[in-house]
Protein backbone atom coordinates (compact mmCIF):
# COMPACT_ATOMS: atom_id res chain seq x y z
CA MET A 1 0.00 0.00 0.00
CA ASN A 2 1.07 3.56 -0.64
CA ALA A 3 2.03 5.52 2.48
CA PRO A 4 -0.62 8.06 3.56
CA LEU A 5 -0.03 11.47 2.03
CA LYS A 6 0.60 13.36 5.23
CA ALA A 7 3.53 15.34 6.47
CA VAL A 8 6.39 13.15 7.64
CA GLU A 9 8.22 14.90 10.45
CA SER A 10 10.87 12.78 12.18
CA SER A 11 13.83 11.19 10.41
CA GLY A 12 12.75 7.79 11.68
CA ALA A 13 9.25 8.23 10.30
CA LEU A 14 10.67 9.38 6.97
CA GLU A 15 12.98 6.38 6.73
CA ALA A 16 10.08 4.04 7.47
CA THR A 17 7.87 5.75 4.92
CA MET A 18 10.53 5.64 2.21
CA ALA A 19 11.25 1.98 2.91
CA GLU A 20 7.54 1.27 2.54
CA LEU A 21 7.42 3.18 -0.74
CA GLY A 22 10.37 1.20 -2.08
CA HIS A 23 8.90 -2.15 -1.03
CA GLY A 24 5.51 -1.32 -2.49
CA ALA A 25 7.02 -0.10 -5.76
CA ARG A 26 9.13 -3.24 -6.15
CA GLN A 27 6.11 -5.49 -5.65
CA SER A 28 4.06 -3.38 -8.04
CA ALA A 29 6.78 -3.48 -10.70
CA ARG A 30 6.43 -7.24 -10.95
CA ALA A 31 2.68 -6.92 -11.46
CA LEU A 32 3.02 -4.09 -14.00
CA ALA A 33 5.59 -5.99 -16.06
CA LEU A 34 2.92 -8.63 -16.68
CA ALA A 35 -0.09 -6.31 -16.95
CA PRO A 36 -1.77 -6.46 -20.36
CA ALA A 37 -1.82 -3.30 -22.45
CA ALA A 38 -5.60 -3.07 -22.15
CA GLN A 39 -5.44 -2.90 -18.36
CA LYS A 40 -2.77 -0.20 -18.38
CA ASN A 41 -4.81 1.76 -20.91
CA ARG A 42 -7.91 1.50 -18.72
CA ALA A 43 -5.90 2.98 -15.88
CA LEU A 44 -4.66 5.84 -18.06
CA ALA A 45 -8.19 6.60 -19.23
CA ALA A 46 -9.43 6.60 -15.65
CA MET A 47 -6.56 8.85 -14.60
CA ALA A 48 -7.40 11.40 -17.29
CA LYS A 49 -11.04 11.34 -16.23
CA ALA A 50 -10.08 11.77 -12.58
CA ILE A 51 -7.83 14.74 -13.35
CA ARG A 52 -10.64 16.43 -15.25
CA GLY A 53 -13.05 15.69 -12.43
CA SER A 54 -10.58 17.01 -9.85
CA ARG A 55 -9.78 20.24 -11.69
CA ALA A 56 -11.20 22.51 -8.99
CA GLY A 57 -9.25 20.78 -6.23
CA ILE A 58 -6.03 20.76 -8.26
CA LEU A 59 -6.34 24.47 -9.02
CA ALA A 60 -7.10 25.28 -5.39
CA ALA A 61 -4.02 23.39 -4.24
CA ASN A 62 -1.96 25.11 -6.92
CA ALA A 63 -3.22 28.54 -5.85
CA ASP A 64 -1.87 27.85 -2.36
CA ASP A 65 1.49 26.76 -3.79
CA VAL A 66 1.71 29.83 -6.02
CA ALA A 67 0.80 32.16 -3.15
CA GLU A 68 3.53 30.64 -1.00
CA ALA A 69 6.08 30.93 -3.83
CA LYS A 70 5.21 34.58 -4.43
CA ALA A 71 5.49 35.32 -0.71
CA SER A 72 8.98 33.81 -0.73
CA GLY A 73 10.05 36.10 -3.60
CA ALA A 74 9.98 33.63 -6.51
CA THR A 75 10.69 35.09 -9.95
CA ALA A 76 8.02 35.52 -12.61
CA ALA A 77 9.64 32.75 -14.67
CA PHE A 78 9.51 30.40 -11.69
CA ILE A 79 5.85 31.22 -11.10
CA ASP A 80 5.13 30.49 -14.77
CA ARG A 81 6.60 27.01 -14.37
CA LEU A 82 4.64 26.40 -11.19
CA ALA A 83 1.25 27.89 -12.01
CA LEU A 84 -1.67 25.93 -13.43
CA ASP A 85 -4.91 27.14 -14.97
CA ALA A 86 -7.86 25.30 -16.47
CA LYS A 87 -6.10 25.05 -19.82
CA ARG A 88 -2.97 23.50 -18.32
CA VAL A 89 -4.99 21.01 -16.27
CA GLU A 90 -6.80 19.96 -19.43
CA ALA A 91 -3.44 19.66 -21.19
CA MET A 92 -2.32 17.24 -18.45
CA ALA A 93 -5.40 15.10 -18.96
CA ALA A 94 -5.05 15.27 -22.74
CA GLY A 95 -1.42 14.18 -22.38
CA LEU A 96 -2.57 11.03 -20.59
CA ASP A 97 -5.00 10.36 -23.44
CA VAL A 98 -2.14 10.64 -25.93
CA ILE A 99 0.07 8.28 -23.89
CA ARG A 100 -2.81 5.79 -23.67
CA LYS A 101 -3.08 5.71 -27.46
CA LEU A 102 0.64 5.00 -27.95
CA LYS A 103 1.69 1.51 -28.84
CA ASP A 104 2.63 -0.51 -25.77
CA PRO A 105 6.40 -1.01 -26.01
CA VAL A 106 6.55 -4.00 -23.65
CA GLY A 107 7.01 -7.26 -25.52
CA THR A 108 8.03 -5.62 -28.81
CA VAL A 109 10.51 -7.80 -30.70
CA LEU A 110 13.40 -5.53 -31.67
CA ALA A 111 15.29 -8.19 -33.63
CA SER A 112 15.26 -11.92 -34.14
CA TRP A 113 17.52 -14.42 -35.85
CA ARG A 114 18.30 -18.14 -36.10
CA ARG A 115 21.73 -19.55 -35.28
CA PRO A 116 23.38 -22.31 -37.35
CA ASN A 117 22.63 -24.80 -34.55
CA GLY A 118 18.90 -24.12 -34.88
CA MET A 119 18.43 -21.89 -31.81
CA ARG A 120 16.12 -18.92 -32.34
CA ILE A 121 17.10 -15.69 -30.54
CA ALA A 122 14.81 -12.69 -30.03
CA GLN A 123 15.63 -9.32 -28.52
CA VAL A 124 12.49 -8.16 -26.69
CA ARG A 125 11.59 -4.91 -24.92
CA VAL A 126 11.03 -5.23 -21.16
CA PRO A 127 10.36 -2.65 -18.40
CA LEU A 128 13.23 -1.14 -16.45
CA GLY A 129 11.55 -1.91 -13.12
CA VAL A 130 11.23 0.86 -10.53
CA ILE A 131 11.98 4.39 -11.68
CA GLY A 132 12.65 7.19 -9.23
CA VAL A 133 11.72 10.58 -10.65
CA ILE A 134 13.02 13.68 -8.86
CA TYR A 135 11.71 16.97 -10.22
CA GLU A 136 11.21 20.62 -9.35
CA SER A 137 8.44 23.20 -9.64
CA ARG A 138 6.50 21.85 -12.64
CA PRO A 139 3.51 20.00 -11.16
CA ASN A 140 2.45 18.55 -14.52
CA VAL A 141 5.51 16.27 -14.36
CA THR A 142 3.60 14.30 -11.71
CA ALA A 143 1.07 13.20 -14.32
CA ASP A 144 3.50 12.89 -17.23
CA ALA A 145 6.06 10.84 -15.32
CA GLY A 146 3.55 8.58 -13.64
CA ALA A 147 1.73 7.85 -16.88
CA LEU A 148 4.87 7.23 -18.94
CA CYS A 149 6.30 4.85 -16.37
CA LEU A 150 3.00 2.97 -16.20
CA LYS A 151 2.68 2.67 -19.99
CA ALA A 152 6.18 1.18 -20.14
CA GLY A 153 5.33 -1.30 -17.37
CA ASN A 154 7.39 0.38 -14.66
CA ALA A 155 6.53 1.36 -11.11
CA ALA A 156 7.35 4.97 -10.23
CA ILE A 157 8.39 6.75 -7.06
CA LEU A 158 7.89 10.47 -7.59
CA ARG A 159 9.52 13.19 -5.53
CA GLY A 160 8.25 16.60 -6.61
CA GLY A 161 9.61 19.96 -5.60
CA SER A 162 8.64 21.45 -2.26
CA GLU A 163 7.23 24.45 -4.14
CA SER A 164 4.56 22.29 -5.83
CA PHE A 165 3.95 19.97 -2.89
CA ARG A 166 0.20 20.59 -2.55
CA THR A 167 -0.43 20.50 -6.29
CA ALA A 168 1.50 17.27 -6.76
CA ARG A 169 -0.54 15.63 -4.00
CA ALA A 170 -3.80 16.64 -5.66
CA ILE A 171 -2.66 15.32 -9.05
CA HIS A 172 -1.30 12.13 -7.51
CA ALA A 173 -4.66 11.45 -5.86
CA ALA A 174 -6.25 11.40 -9.32
CA LEU A 175 -3.57 9.01 -10.61
CA THR A 176 -4.15 6.67 -7.68
CA ALA A 177 -7.90 6.68 -8.34
CA GLY A 178 -7.24 5.65 -11.94
CA LEU A 179 -4.93 2.82 -10.92
CA LEU A 180 -7.45 1.40 -8.46
CA GLU A 181 -10.31 1.66 -10.96
CA ALA A 182 -8.32 -0.48 -13.39
CA GLY A 183 -7.41 -3.03 -10.72
CA LEU A 184 -3.74 -2.08 -10.53
CA PRO A 185 -1.87 -1.55 -7.24
CA ALA A 186 -1.90 1.97 -5.82
CA ALA A 187 1.83 1.66 -5.12
CA ALA A 188 2.48 1.48 -8.86
CA ILE A 189 2.78 5.29 -8.75
CA SER A 190 3.95 6.57 -5.37
CA LEU A 191 4.52 10.15 -4.30
CA VAL A 192 6.99 10.97 -1.55
CA PRO A 193 4.79 12.60 1.14
CA SER A 194 7.45 14.91 2.52
CA ARG A 195 9.30 18.09 1.61
CA ASP A 196 12.34 16.87 3.54
CA ARG A 197 15.40 16.89 1.26
CA ALA A 198 16.63 13.78 3.06
CA ALA A 199 14.09 11.82 1.01
CA VAL A 200 16.06 12.69 -2.13
CA GLY A 201 19.22 11.27 -0.59
CA MET A 202 17.43 8.04 0.26
CA MET A 203 16.22 7.70 -3.32
CA LEU A 204 19.69 8.39 -4.71
CA ALA A 205 21.04 5.62 -2.50
CA GLY A 206 18.54 3.25 -4.14
CA LEU A 207 16.09 2.65 -1.27
CA ASN A 208 17.65 -0.68 -0.33
CA ARG A 209 18.03 -1.71 -3.97
CA THR A 210 14.39 -1.14 -4.82
CA ILE A 211 15.05 1.69 -7.34
CA ASP A 212 16.55 0.67 -10.68
CA VAL A 213 17.10 4.07 -12.30
CA ILE A 214 16.80 7.75 -11.35
CA VAL A 215 15.44 10.42 -13.69
CA PRO A 216 16.11 13.96 -12.42
CA ARG A 217 14.35 17.00 -13.85
CA GLY A 218 15.30 20.37 -12.48
CA GLY A 219 17.97 23.02 -12.13
CA LYS A 220 21.74 22.83 -11.96
CA GLU A 221 21.80 22.38 -8.17
CA LEU A 222 19.50 19.36 -8.27
CA ILE A 223 21.29 17.76 -11.22
CA GLY A 224 24.65 18.29 -9.58
CA ARG A 225 23.48 16.60 -6.40
CA VAL A 226 22.02 13.67 -8.32
CA GLN A 227 25.18 13.14 -10.34
CA SER A 228 27.43 13.29 -7.29
CA GLU A 229 25.34 11.19 -4.90
CA ALA A 230 23.46 8.65 -7.03
CA ARG A 231 24.28 5.00 -6.41
CA VAL A 232 21.93 3.84 -9.18
CA PRO A 233 21.99 4.62 -12.91
CA VAL A 234 20.83 8.12 -13.89
CA PHE A 235 19.27 9.49 -17.06
CA ALA A 236 21.27 12.71 -17.03
CA HIS A 237 19.44 15.94 -17.76
CA LEU A 238 21.70 18.97 -17.67
CA GLU A 239 20.46 22.51 -17.95
CA GLY A 240 19.29 23.73 -21.34
CA VAL A 241 21.88 26.27 -22.53
CA CYS A 242 20.30 26.28 -26.00
CA HIS A 243 21.58 28.25 -29.00
CA VAL A 244 20.14 29.66 -32.20
CA TYR A 245 22.76 30.32 -34.87
CA VAL A 246 21.69 32.65 -37.69
CA ASP A 247 23.86 31.78 -40.66
CA GLY A 248 24.99 34.15 -43.42
CA GLU A 249 22.50 32.50 -45.80
CA ALA A 250 19.51 32.88 -43.48
CA ARG A 251 16.38 34.76 -44.53
CA LEU A 252 15.51 37.59 -42.16
CA PRO A 253 11.75 36.94 -41.84
CA MET A 254 12.35 33.29 -40.92
CA ALA A 255 15.21 34.19 -38.59
CA LYS A 256 13.06 36.73 -36.74
CA SER A 257 10.18 34.27 -36.38
CA ILE A 258 12.38 31.43 -35.10
CA VAL A 259 14.49 33.53 -32.74
CA LEU A 260 11.46 35.21 -31.17
CA ASN A 261 9.65 31.91 -30.67
CA ALA A 262 12.75 30.09 -29.42
CA LYS A 263 13.34 32.71 -26.73
CA MET A 264 9.98 34.19 -25.83
CA ARG A 265 7.24 31.57 -26.41
CA ARG A 266 7.89 30.25 -22.90
CA THR A 267 11.07 31.48 -21.29
CA GLY A 268 10.98 28.99 -18.41
CA VAL A 269 11.25 25.74 -20.40
CA CYS A 270 14.52 23.89 -20.89
CA GLY A 271 14.27 24.25 -24.68
CA ALA A 272 14.15 28.05 -24.55
CA ALA A 273 17.03 29.67 -26.42
CA GLU A 274 19.56 31.28 -24.08
CA THR A 275 22.12 32.40 -26.67
CA LEU A 276 21.78 33.99 -30.10
CA LEU A 277 24.76 33.70 -32.44
CA VAL A 278 24.85 35.69 -35.70
CA ASP A 279 27.24 35.04 -38.56
CA ARG A 280 29.42 38.09 -39.15
CA ALA A 281 28.47 37.86 -42.84
CA ALA A 282 24.81 38.27 -41.86
CA ALA A 283 25.31 40.90 -39.16
CA PRO A 284 24.92 44.02 -41.35
CA LYS A 285 21.36 43.09 -42.31
CA MET A 286 20.34 40.70 -39.49
CA LEU A 287 21.83 41.85 -36.21
CA LYS A 288 20.08 45.16 -35.57
CA PRO A 289 16.54 43.95 -36.43
CA LEU A 290 16.94 40.72 -34.43
CA VAL A 291 18.21 42.53 -31.34
CA ALA A 292 15.59 45.27 -31.58
CA MET A 293 12.86 42.67 -31.98
CA LEU A 294 13.90 40.86 -28.81
CA ILE A 295 14.21 44.01 -26.73
CA ASP A 296 10.88 45.36 -28.00
CA ALA A 297 9.30 42.03 -26.98
CA GLY A 298 10.50 42.54 -23.40
CA CYS A 299 13.69 40.48 -23.54
CA GLU A 300 16.89 41.77 -21.97
CA VAL A 301 19.83 41.32 -24.35
CA ARG A 302 23.39 40.93 -23.09
CA GLY A 303 25.88 41.09 -25.91
CA ASP A 304 29.46 41.36 -27.10
CA ALA A 305 30.87 44.58 -28.56
CA ALA A 306 29.27 44.08 -31.97
CA VAL A 307 25.83 43.48 -30.48
CA GLN A 308 26.16 46.45 -28.14
CA ALA A 309 27.04 48.62 -31.14
CA ALA A 310 23.87 47.49 -32.91
CA ASP A 311 21.53 48.76 -30.17
CA ARG A 312 22.35 51.05 -27.26
CA ARG A 313 19.88 49.15 -25.05
CA VAL A 314 22.08 46.03 -25.06
CA LYS A 315 23.94 45.31 -21.83
CA PRO A 316 27.51 43.96 -21.89
CA ALA A 317 27.78 40.19 -21.62
CA SER A 318 30.04 38.68 -18.97
CA GLU A 319 31.99 35.46 -19.47
CA ALA A 320 29.51 33.65 -17.23
CA ASP A 321 26.54 34.80 -19.34
CA TRP A 322 27.56 32.62 -22.27
CA SER A 323 26.99 29.43 -20.25
CA THR A 324 23.95 30.60 -18.26
CA GLU A 325 20.50 29.03 -18.44
CA TYR A 326 18.35 32.07 -17.65
CA LEU A 327 14.88 30.48 -17.83
CA ASP A 328 13.71 34.09 -18.06
CA ALA A 329 13.34 36.90 -20.59
CA VAL A 330 17.11 37.33 -20.92
CA ILE A 331 19.37 36.23 -23.77
CA THR A 332 23.08 36.46 -24.54
CA ALA A 333 23.95 37.46 -28.12
CA GLY A 334 27.18 37.50 -30.07
CA VAL A 335 28.65 37.71 -33.56
CA VAL A 336 30.80 34.80 -34.77
CA ASP A 337 33.02 34.27 -37.79
CA GLY A 338 30.96 31.68 -39.62
CA ILE A 339 29.60 28.24 -38.93
CA ASP A 340 32.83 26.70 -37.61
CA ALA A 341 33.12 29.42 -34.99
CA ALA A 342 29.46 28.92 -34.08
CA ILE A 343 29.96 25.18 -33.62
CA ASP A 344 33.09 25.80 -31.53
CA HIS A 345 31.18 28.30 -29.36
CA ILE A 346 28.34 25.83 -28.78
CA GLU A 347 30.81 23.09 -27.85
CA ARG A 348 32.55 25.39 -25.38
CA TYR A 349 29.56 26.99 -23.69
CA GLY A 350 26.58 24.76 -24.42
CA SER A 351 25.05 21.93 -22.42
CA HIS A 352 24.51 19.43 -25.29
CA HIS A 353 20.75 19.91 -24.96
CA THR A 354 19.19 21.64 -28.01
CA ASP A 355 20.72 23.88 -30.66
CA ALA A 356 19.39 25.26 -33.95
CA ILE A 357 20.69 26.77 -37.19
CA VAL A 358 18.72 29.12 -39.42
CA THR A 359 19.95 29.01 -43.00
CA ALA A 360 18.93 28.47 -46.61
CA ASP A 361 22.26 26.76 -47.28
CA LYS A 362 21.64 23.00 -47.19
CA ALA A 363 25.34 22.17 -46.95
CA ALA A 364 25.73 24.45 -43.92
CA ALA A 365 22.64 22.92 -42.36
CA GLU A 366 23.95 19.38 -42.80
CA LYS A 367 27.34 20.37 -41.36
CA PHE A 368 25.64 21.85 -38.28
CA LEU A 369 23.36 18.83 -37.81
CA ARG A 370 26.33 16.48 -38.13
CA GLU A 371 28.90 18.32 -36.03
CA VAL A 372 26.93 19.86 -33.15
CA ASP A 373 27.11 17.27 -30.37
CA SER A 374 23.72 17.88 -28.76
CA ALA A 375 20.80 15.62 -27.97
CA ILE A 376 18.56 17.65 -30.31
CA VAL A 377 19.79 19.63 -33.31
CA LEU A 378 17.40 21.56 -35.56
CA HIS A 379 17.50 23.24 -38.95
CA ASN A 380 15.09 26.12 -39.56
CA ALA A 381 12.94 25.35 -36.52
CA SER A 382 12.55 26.71 -33.00
CA THR A 383 14.42 25.14 -30.10
CA GLN A 384 11.10 25.05 -28.25
CA PHE A 385 10.28 21.86 -30.19
CA ALA A 386 12.55 20.10 -27.65
CA ASP A 387 9.58 18.32 -26.15
CA GLY A 388 8.47 14.71 -26.13
CA GLY A 389 4.93 15.63 -27.15
CA GLU A 390 6.24 17.46 -30.21
CA PHE A 391 8.26 14.36 -31.12
CA GLY A 392 5.11 12.25 -31.07
CA PHE A 393 6.11 10.53 -27.81
CA GLY A 394 2.93 11.68 -26.05
CA ALA A 395 4.92 13.25 -23.22
CA GLU A 396 8.33 13.01 -21.65
CA ILE A 397 9.95 12.75 -18.26
CA GLY A 398 12.77 15.01 -19.42
CA ILE A 399 15.45 15.59 -22.03
CA ALA A 400 18.43 13.31 -21.48
CA THR A 401 21.73 14.92 -22.44
CA GLY A 402 23.93 11.93 -21.64
CA ARG A 403 25.08 9.39 -24.18
CA LEU A 404 24.04 6.07 -22.66
CA HIS A 405 20.71 4.29 -23.22
CA ALA A 406 18.44 7.31 -23.67
CA ARG A 407 19.19 10.65 -25.33
CA GLY A 408 16.80 13.48 -26.06
CA PRO A 409 13.17 13.23 -24.94
CA VAL A 410 12.68 10.32 -22.54
CA GLY A 411 9.36 8.75 -23.51
CA VAL A 412 7.85 5.30 -23.17
CA GLU A 413 10.36 3.46 -25.37
CA GLN A 414 13.29 5.05 -23.54
CA LEU A 415 11.81 3.76 -20.26
CA THR A 416 12.35 0.15 -21.34
CA SER A 417 15.34 -2.12 -21.67
CA PHE A 418 15.45 -5.50 -23.40
CA ASN A 419 16.32 -9.10 -22.81
CA TYR A 420 17.19 -12.00 -25.09
CA ARG A 421 14.78 -14.89 -25.37
CA ILE A 422 16.25 -18.06 -26.81
CA ARG A 423 14.23 -21.02 -28.04
CA GLY A 424 15.98 -24.29 -28.68
CA ASN A 425 15.19 -27.95 -29.17
CA GLY A 426 17.80 -29.62 -27.02
CA GLN A 427 20.99 -27.84 -28.09
CA THR A 428 24.04 -28.17 -25.84
CA ARG A 429 27.36 -26.40 -26.25
CA PRO A 430 30.30 -28.57 -27.29
């Protein structure tokens, strides 16, 4: 059974609660690995219905979280990540509907072959087991992460940010209702019922070997702690220091549209552009209108000498600015000597998350796509497409920037592993 969602005060009570969560998740993982797709889909449908039916309660809980965050001096960008409205609640429910309609990855045969001795070997997708998800501020991750883990046959232990504690509890209650309606164990999706940061440490230690993998989603401080303390595998998600490079062969109308969307559509998402690079060959016609557009849209621009010369409103960029994830209406801008210099700049200052080139030159585009070592690389498209839903994955737990197992949006397929199933007729090895 899932531990009651009440405040856990003492360290002893927290340890007992976390041990219970781990035990329940491990037992549930065995049941989920064998659950038919139809049963998981019934749970997802019931979850979506429960979220829609609980909209008023979810919004009330969120209002309390937002009020507390504002009272503590949270930035506008932080509030944007935290706040829900009716449209965002519906988007959560709709996301569960999309995940439900995805093909169940469990049991998919990735490859099969017959050996000379007659044995037949198949490589088959299987769940990872128990996934610990540690995230900050965005309460919708509660629904996305829980649903994705369930679809892939995994149990989930969710630890949301203290800022969204009330909202996450309200959303989790709807998920639990959906699980029970479909006859699945409530512990299949558990929520840590405490704001105590010690719970994170317990998860990173593996909860007595009950957690198989950790997926962190949050800022640099959280990711740094996860990477230094984790004793279980981690799907790394570094900050999104994302770039848009405007090449000498770019067209100004397209460049303006992409740059504005990449920076200002939502400044608080990890795919928001944080640096604008302009080819020196394009600067005479591109730089001034691009910078003016951003500033007129309410974005602070910090630039090098060339960018400052283009508009007196530009502030000087510090060395630290080039590697900063602002998650706010701020961007660093600079002029570079062509595509090679742009690629070198991205390698030096970027986070291997998402980077884009705007150009009509196909050869330049292919060079950028091939040589920029990021999880997501785009040609003539906004960096804000760095999202599992936009990839057709239904949703995502996060964007993995590591190089092992999963890279880019972590959706249902990335939440599986595989095993080899061998069928023989009496073969022995000589």
